[in-house]
């Protein structure tokens, strides 16, 4: 599995601690240093069963500057959202964990995190 993290994020550090405690094998992607492409974001969103606006941190300064709260949320608006997330990775919710079984979670809650831990 892979986990997208910002090392300064408390929830990311908690997720790493839990993965280690469970003996999970994973790779870390510091997504601010290695931003996901539009194609990677699209794939992860499919695995999450979410839309780009569902994983956008709209309280970030750049989101406010772009006026993202007022952006449309229809299929035709997806490319605009995806381009913004790829250009400004700070907007992406974290941590995101992509599991080997094909599903993915935004591991912000203990329940979401537990769903990807090995049994």
N, C-alpha and C. Protein backbone atom coordinates (compact mmCIF):
# COMPACT_ATOMS: atom_id res chain seq x y z
N UNK A 1 0.84 -1.18 0.00
CA UNK A 1 0.00 0.00 0.00
C UNK A 1 0.88 1.23 0.00
N UNK A 2 0.25 2.34 -0.34
CA UNK A 2 0.96 3.61 -0.37
C UNK A 2 0.17 4.62 0.45
N UNK A 3 0.89 5.49 1.16
CA UNK A 3 0.24 6.54 1.94
C UNK A 3 0.80 7.89 1.50
N UNK A 4 -0.11 8.79 1.15
CA UNK A 4 0.27 10.16 0.79
C UNK A 4 0.22 10.98 2.06
N UNK A 5 1.36 11.60 2.40
CA UNK A 5 1.43 12.34 3.66
C UNK A 5 2.06 13.71 3.49
N UNK A 6 1.78 14.54 4.48
CA UNK A 6 2.50 15.77 4.75
C UNK A 6 3.09 15.50 6.13
N UNK A 7 4.42 15.44 6.26
CA UNK A 7 5.02 15.08 7.55
C UNK A 7 4.63 16.00 8.71
N UNK A 8 4.18 17.21 8.40
CA UNK A 8 3.79 18.14 9.46
C UNK A 8 2.36 17.91 9.94
N UNK A 9 1.63 17.03 9.28
CA UNK A 9 0.23 16.76 9.60
C UNK A 9 0.11 15.73 10.72
N UNK A 10 -0.61 16.07 11.77
CA UNK A 10 -0.79 15.18 12.90
C UNK A 10 -1.49 13.89 12.48
N UNK A 11 -2.55 13.98 11.68
CA UNK A 11 -3.28 12.78 11.26
C UNK A 11 -2.39 11.86 10.42
N UNK A 12 -1.48 12.44 9.65
CA UNK A 12 -0.54 11.63 8.87
C UNK A 12 0.41 10.88 9.80
N UNK A 13 0.90 11.57 10.81
CA UNK A 13 1.82 10.92 11.74
C UNK A 13 1.11 9.81 12.52
N UNK A 14 -0.14 10.04 12.91
CA UNK A 14 -0.92 9.01 13.59
C UNK A 14 -1.10 7.80 12.67
N UNK A 15 -1.43 8.06 11.41
CA UNK A 15 -1.63 6.96 10.46
C UNK A 15 -0.36 6.15 10.30
N UNK A 16 0.79 6.81 10.20
CA UNK A 16 2.06 6.07 10.08
C UNK A 16 2.32 5.22 11.31
N UNK A 17 2.06 5.77 12.48
CA UNK A 17 2.25 5.03 13.73
C UNK A 17 1.36 3.79 13.75
N UNK A 18 0.10 3.94 13.33
CA UNK A 18 -0.83 2.81 13.33
C UNK A 18 -0.42 1.76 12.30
N UNK A 19 0.01 2.20 11.13
CA UNK A 19 0.48 1.25 10.11
C UNK A 19 1.68 0.46 10.63
N UNK A 20 2.61 1.16 11.27
CA UNK A 20 3.79 0.49 11.83
C UNK A 20 3.39 -0.51 12.93
N UNK A 21 2.48 -0.09 13.80
CA UNK A 21 2.04 -0.95 14.91
C UNK A 21 1.36 -2.21 14.38
N UNK A 22 0.69 -2.09 13.24
CA UNK A 22 -0.01 -3.23 12.65
C UNK A 22 0.92 -4.10 11.79
N UNK A 23 2.17 -3.66 11.65
CA UNK A 23 3.11 -4.42 10.84
C UNK A 23 2.83 -4.33 9.35
N UNK A 24 2.15 -3.28 8.94
CA UNK A 24 1.80 -3.11 7.52
C UNK A 24 3.03 -2.75 6.70
N UNK A 25 3.06 -3.25 5.48
CA UNK A 25 4.10 -2.85 4.54
C UNK A 25 3.52 -1.76 3.67
N UNK A 26 4.26 -0.66 3.54
CA UNK A 26 3.74 0.48 2.78
C UNK A 26 4.90 1.34 2.29
N UNK A 27 4.58 2.17 1.33
CA UNK A 27 5.53 3.19 0.88
C UNK A 27 4.93 4.55 1.19
N UNK A 28 5.80 5.48 1.47
CA UNK A 28 5.38 6.84 1.81
C UNK A 28 5.59 7.74 0.59
N UNK A 29 4.58 8.52 0.31
CA UNK A 29 4.71 9.54 -0.74
C UNK A 29 4.46 10.89 -0.08
N UNK A 30 5.49 11.70 -0.06
CA UNK A 30 5.35 13.07 0.44
C UNK A 30 4.80 13.88 -0.73
N UNK A 31 3.49 13.94 -0.78
CA UNK A 31 2.83 14.46 -1.97
C UNK A 31 3.04 15.95 -2.22
N UNK A 32 3.52 16.69 -1.23
CA UNK A 32 3.84 18.10 -1.48
C UNK A 32 5.15 18.21 -2.26
N UNK A 33 6.06 17.26 -2.04
CA UNK A 33 7.34 17.23 -2.76
C UNK A 33 7.22 16.47 -4.08
N UNK A 34 6.31 15.51 -4.14
CA UNK A 34 6.10 14.66 -5.31
C UNK A 34 4.60 14.69 -5.64
N UNK A 35 4.14 15.83 -6.20
CA UNK A 35 2.70 16.00 -6.41
C UNK A 35 2.12 14.98 -7.38
N UNK A 36 0.90 14.53 -7.08
CA UNK A 36 0.24 13.61 -8.00
C UNK A 36 -0.20 14.34 -9.27
N UNK A 37 -0.17 13.63 -10.37
CA UNK A 37 -0.63 14.17 -11.64
C UNK A 37 -2.16 14.11 -11.68
N UNK A 38 -2.73 14.74 -12.69
CA UNK A 38 -4.17 14.66 -12.89
C UNK A 38 -4.58 13.20 -13.07
N UNK A 39 -3.80 12.43 -13.82
CA UNK A 39 -4.13 11.01 -14.02
C UNK A 39 -4.09 10.24 -12.71
N UNK A 40 -3.08 10.50 -11.87
CA UNK A 40 -3.00 9.81 -10.57
C UNK A 40 -4.16 10.21 -9.67
N UNK A 41 -4.50 11.49 -9.66
CA UNK A 41 -5.63 11.95 -8.86
C UNK A 41 -6.92 11.29 -9.33
N UNK A 42 -7.09 11.21 -10.63
CA UNK A 42 -8.29 10.58 -11.19
C UNK A 42 -8.38 9.13 -10.75
N UNK A 43 -7.26 8.41 -10.81
CA UNK A 43 -7.25 7.00 -10.39
C UNK A 43 -7.58 6.86 -8.91
N UNK A 44 -6.97 7.68 -8.08
CA UNK A 44 -7.22 7.61 -6.64
C UNK A 44 -8.68 7.96 -6.34
N UNK A 45 -9.21 8.97 -7.01
CA UNK A 45 -10.61 9.32 -6.78
C UNK A 45 -11.54 8.18 -7.16
N UNK A 46 -11.22 7.47 -8.23
CA UNK A 46 -12.03 6.30 -8.60
C UNK A 46 -11.97 5.26 -7.50
N UNK A 47 -10.79 5.04 -6.96
CA UNK A 47 -10.64 4.05 -5.89
C UNK A 47 -11.35 4.50 -4.61
N UNK A 48 -11.38 5.81 -4.38
CA UNK A 48 -12.05 6.37 -3.21
C UNK A 48 -13.57 6.45 -3.40
N UNK A 49 -14.03 6.38 -4.65
CA UNK A 49 -15.43 6.63 -4.99
C UNK A 49 -15.85 8.04 -4.55
N UNK A 50 -14.96 8.99 -4.81
CA UNK A 50 -15.21 10.39 -4.46
C UNK A 50 -14.96 11.29 -5.67
N UNK A 51 -15.36 12.53 -5.53
CA UNK A 51 -15.13 13.56 -6.54
C UNK A 51 -14.00 14.46 -6.05
N UNK A 52 -13.37 15.22 -6.95
CA UNK A 52 -12.25 16.06 -6.53
C UNK A 52 -12.61 17.06 -5.43
N UNK A 53 -13.82 17.60 -5.48
CA UNK A 53 -14.23 18.56 -4.45
C UNK A 53 -14.40 17.90 -3.10
N UNK A 54 -14.57 16.58 -3.07
CA UNK A 54 -14.70 15.85 -1.80
C UNK A 54 -13.37 15.75 -1.05
N UNK A 55 -12.25 15.86 -1.76
CA UNK A 55 -10.94 15.73 -1.09
C UNK A 55 -10.17 17.05 -1.11
N UNK A 56 -10.88 18.15 -1.36
CA UNK A 56 -10.24 19.45 -1.43
C UNK A 56 -10.32 20.17 -0.10
N UNK A 57 -9.20 20.69 0.32
CA UNK A 57 -9.11 21.47 1.56
C UNK A 57 -9.46 22.92 1.21
N UNK A 58 -10.74 23.24 1.26
CA UNK A 58 -11.20 24.55 0.81
C UNK A 58 -10.87 25.69 1.77
N UNK A 59 -10.35 25.36 2.95
CA UNK A 59 -9.96 26.42 3.88
C UNK A 59 -8.51 26.86 3.69
N UNK A 60 -7.78 26.18 2.81
CA UNK A 60 -6.40 26.60 2.52
C UNK A 60 -6.41 27.96 1.83
N UNK A 61 -5.37 28.74 2.07
CA UNK A 61 -5.28 30.09 1.49
C UNK A 61 -5.42 30.07 -0.03
N UNK A 62 -4.76 29.14 -0.69
CA UNK A 62 -4.83 29.10 -2.15
C UNK A 62 -6.25 28.79 -2.63
N UNK A 63 -6.98 27.97 -1.90
CA UNK A 63 -8.37 27.67 -2.27
C UNK A 63 -9.22 28.93 -2.16
N UNK A 64 -8.97 29.70 -1.13
CA UNK A 64 -9.70 30.95 -0.96
C UNK A 64 -9.34 31.94 -2.07
N UNK A 65 -8.05 32.01 -2.40
CA UNK A 65 -7.62 32.90 -3.48
C UNK A 65 -8.28 32.52 -4.81
N UNK A 66 -8.42 31.22 -5.04
CA UNK A 66 -9.02 30.74 -6.29
C UNK A 66 -10.56 30.80 -6.26
N UNK A 67 -11.13 31.03 -5.08
CA UNK A 67 -12.58 31.08 -4.95
C UNK A 67 -13.24 29.73 -5.13
N UNK A 68 -12.55 28.67 -4.70
CA UNK A 68 -13.01 27.31 -4.97
C UNK A 68 -14.36 26.97 -4.35
N UNK A 69 -14.71 27.61 -3.26
CA UNK A 69 -16.02 27.32 -2.64
C UNK A 69 -17.17 27.63 -3.59
N UNK A 70 -16.92 28.52 -4.54
CA UNK A 70 -17.96 28.92 -5.49
C UNK A 70 -17.89 28.14 -6.80
N UNK A 71 -16.91 27.26 -6.95
CA UNK A 71 -16.79 26.49 -8.19
C UNK A 71 -17.93 25.49 -8.29
N UNK A 72 -18.29 25.18 -9.51
CA UNK A 72 -19.33 24.19 -9.76
C UNK A 72 -18.88 22.80 -9.33
N UNK A 73 -19.85 21.96 -9.11
CA UNK A 73 -19.58 20.59 -8.69
C UNK A 73 -20.33 19.59 -9.57
N UNK A 74 -20.16 19.77 -10.85
CA UNK A 74 -20.79 18.88 -11.82
C UNK A 74 -19.68 18.19 -12.62
N UNK A 75 -20.06 17.17 -13.37
CA UNK A 75 -19.09 16.41 -14.17
C UNK A 75 -18.23 17.35 -15.03
N UNK A 76 -18.83 18.36 -15.60
CA UNK A 76 -18.10 19.28 -16.47
C UNK A 76 -17.07 20.11 -15.70
N UNK A 77 -17.22 20.20 -14.38
CA UNK A 77 -16.29 20.98 -13.55
C UNK A 77 -15.08 20.17 -13.07
N UNK A 78 -15.14 18.85 -13.23
CA UNK A 78 -14.06 17.98 -12.72
C UNK A 78 -12.67 18.37 -13.24
N UNK A 79 -12.50 18.64 -14.54
CA UNK A 79 -11.16 18.98 -15.01
C UNK A 79 -10.55 20.21 -14.31
N UNK A 80 -11.37 21.19 -14.04
CA UNK A 80 -10.89 22.39 -13.35
C UNK A 80 -10.40 22.04 -11.94
N UNK A 81 -11.18 21.25 -11.23
CA UNK A 81 -10.82 20.83 -9.87
C UNK A 81 -9.54 19.99 -9.90
N UNK A 82 -9.49 19.02 -10.81
CA UNK A 82 -8.32 18.15 -10.90
C UNK A 82 -7.06 18.94 -11.21
N UNK A 83 -7.16 19.89 -12.13
CA UNK A 83 -6.00 20.72 -12.48
C UNK A 83 -5.53 21.52 -11.27
N UNK A 84 -6.46 22.06 -10.50
CA UNK A 84 -6.10 22.83 -9.31
C UNK A 84 -5.41 21.96 -8.27
N UNK A 85 -5.93 20.75 -8.06
CA UNK A 85 -5.32 19.84 -7.08
C UNK A 85 -3.91 19.44 -7.52
N UNK A 86 -3.74 19.19 -8.80
CA UNK A 86 -2.42 18.81 -9.31
C UNK A 86 -1.44 19.97 -9.21
N UNK A 87 -1.91 21.17 -9.47
CA UNK A 87 -1.04 22.35 -9.43
C UNK A 87 -0.74 22.80 -8.00
N UNK A 88 -1.69 22.59 -7.10
CA UNK A 88 -1.56 23.02 -5.71
C UNK A 88 -1.83 21.83 -4.79
N UNK A 89 -0.88 20.91 -4.63
CA UNK A 89 -1.14 19.69 -3.86
C UNK A 89 -1.50 19.94 -2.39
N UNK A 90 -1.18 21.11 -1.87
CA UNK A 90 -1.56 21.43 -0.49
C UNK A 90 -3.08 21.35 -0.32
N UNK A 91 -3.81 21.42 -1.43
CA UNK A 91 -5.28 21.37 -1.37
C UNK A 91 -5.82 19.96 -1.15
N UNK A 92 -5.00 18.94 -1.33
CA UNK A 92 -5.46 17.56 -1.22
C UNK A 92 -5.55 17.13 0.24
N UNK A 93 -6.72 16.59 0.62
CA UNK A 93 -6.89 16.04 1.97
C UNK A 93 -5.85 14.97 2.21
N UNK A 94 -5.49 14.77 3.43
CA UNK A 94 -4.48 13.78 3.79
C UNK A 94 -4.82 13.18 5.14
N UNK A 95 -4.26 12.04 5.42
CA UNK A 95 -3.52 11.13 4.55
C UNK A 95 -4.46 10.32 3.66
N UNK A 96 -3.99 10.02 2.48
CA UNK A 96 -4.71 9.11 1.59
C UNK A 96 -3.91 7.83 1.52
N UNK A 97 -4.60 6.72 1.75
CA UNK A 97 -3.96 5.41 1.71
C UNK A 97 -4.60 4.59 0.60
N UNK A 98 -3.77 4.10 -0.29
CA UNK A 98 -4.24 3.20 -1.34
C UNK A 98 -3.81 1.80 -0.95
N UNK A 99 -4.79 0.94 -0.75
CA UNK A 99 -4.53 -0.42 -0.29
C UNK A 99 -4.25 -1.35 -1.45
N UNK A 100 -3.56 -2.44 -1.16
CA UNK A 100 -3.22 -3.42 -2.19
C UNK A 100 -4.46 -4.11 -2.77
N UNK A 101 -5.55 -4.14 -2.02
CA UNK A 101 -6.75 -4.82 -2.52
C UNK A 101 -7.55 -3.95 -3.49
N UNK A 102 -7.05 -2.74 -3.77
CA UNK A 102 -7.71 -1.89 -4.75
C UNK A 102 -8.49 -0.73 -4.19
N UNK A 103 -8.85 -0.78 -2.91
CA UNK A 103 -9.60 0.35 -2.39
C UNK A 103 -8.66 1.39 -1.80
N UNK A 104 -9.21 2.52 -1.50
CA UNK A 104 -8.43 3.61 -0.92
C UNK A 104 -9.30 4.33 0.10
N UNK A 105 -8.64 5.02 1.02
CA UNK A 105 -9.36 5.80 2.03
C UNK A 105 -8.62 7.10 2.30
N UNK A 106 -9.40 8.10 2.68
CA UNK A 106 -8.83 9.29 3.28
C UNK A 106 -8.84 8.97 4.77
N UNK A 107 -7.68 8.68 5.32
CA UNK A 107 -7.57 8.11 6.67
C UNK A 107 -7.56 9.18 7.75
N UNK A 108 -8.60 10.00 7.77
CA UNK A 108 -8.69 11.06 8.77
C UNK A 108 -9.41 10.59 10.04
N UNK A 109 -10.08 9.44 9.95
CA UNK A 109 -10.78 8.92 11.13
C UNK A 109 -10.17 7.56 11.49
N UNK A 110 -10.27 7.16 12.76
CA UNK A 110 -9.76 5.84 13.14
C UNK A 110 -10.42 4.71 12.35
N UNK A 111 -11.72 4.86 12.05
CA UNK A 111 -12.45 3.82 11.32
C UNK A 111 -11.88 3.66 9.89
N UNK A 112 -11.65 4.78 9.23
CA UNK A 112 -11.11 4.72 7.87
C UNK A 112 -9.72 4.10 7.89
N UNK A 113 -8.92 4.47 8.85
CA UNK A 113 -7.57 3.92 8.97
C UNK A 113 -7.62 2.42 9.22
N UNK A 114 -8.48 1.98 10.13
CA UNK A 114 -8.60 0.54 10.44
C UNK A 114 -9.02 -0.26 9.21
N UNK A 115 -9.75 0.36 8.30
CA UNK A 115 -10.25 -0.38 7.14
C UNK A 115 -9.13 -0.84 6.20
N UNK A 116 -7.95 -0.26 6.31
CA UNK A 116 -6.84 -0.67 5.44
C UNK A 116 -5.75 -1.43 6.19
N UNK A 117 -5.90 -1.56 7.51
CA UNK A 117 -4.88 -2.27 8.27
C UNK A 117 -4.99 -3.77 8.04
N UNK A 118 -3.84 -4.45 8.03
CA UNK A 118 -3.89 -5.90 7.87
C UNK A 118 -4.63 -6.54 9.05
N UNK A 119 -5.35 -7.60 8.77
CA UNK A 119 -6.13 -8.29 9.83
C UNK A 119 -5.25 -9.08 10.76
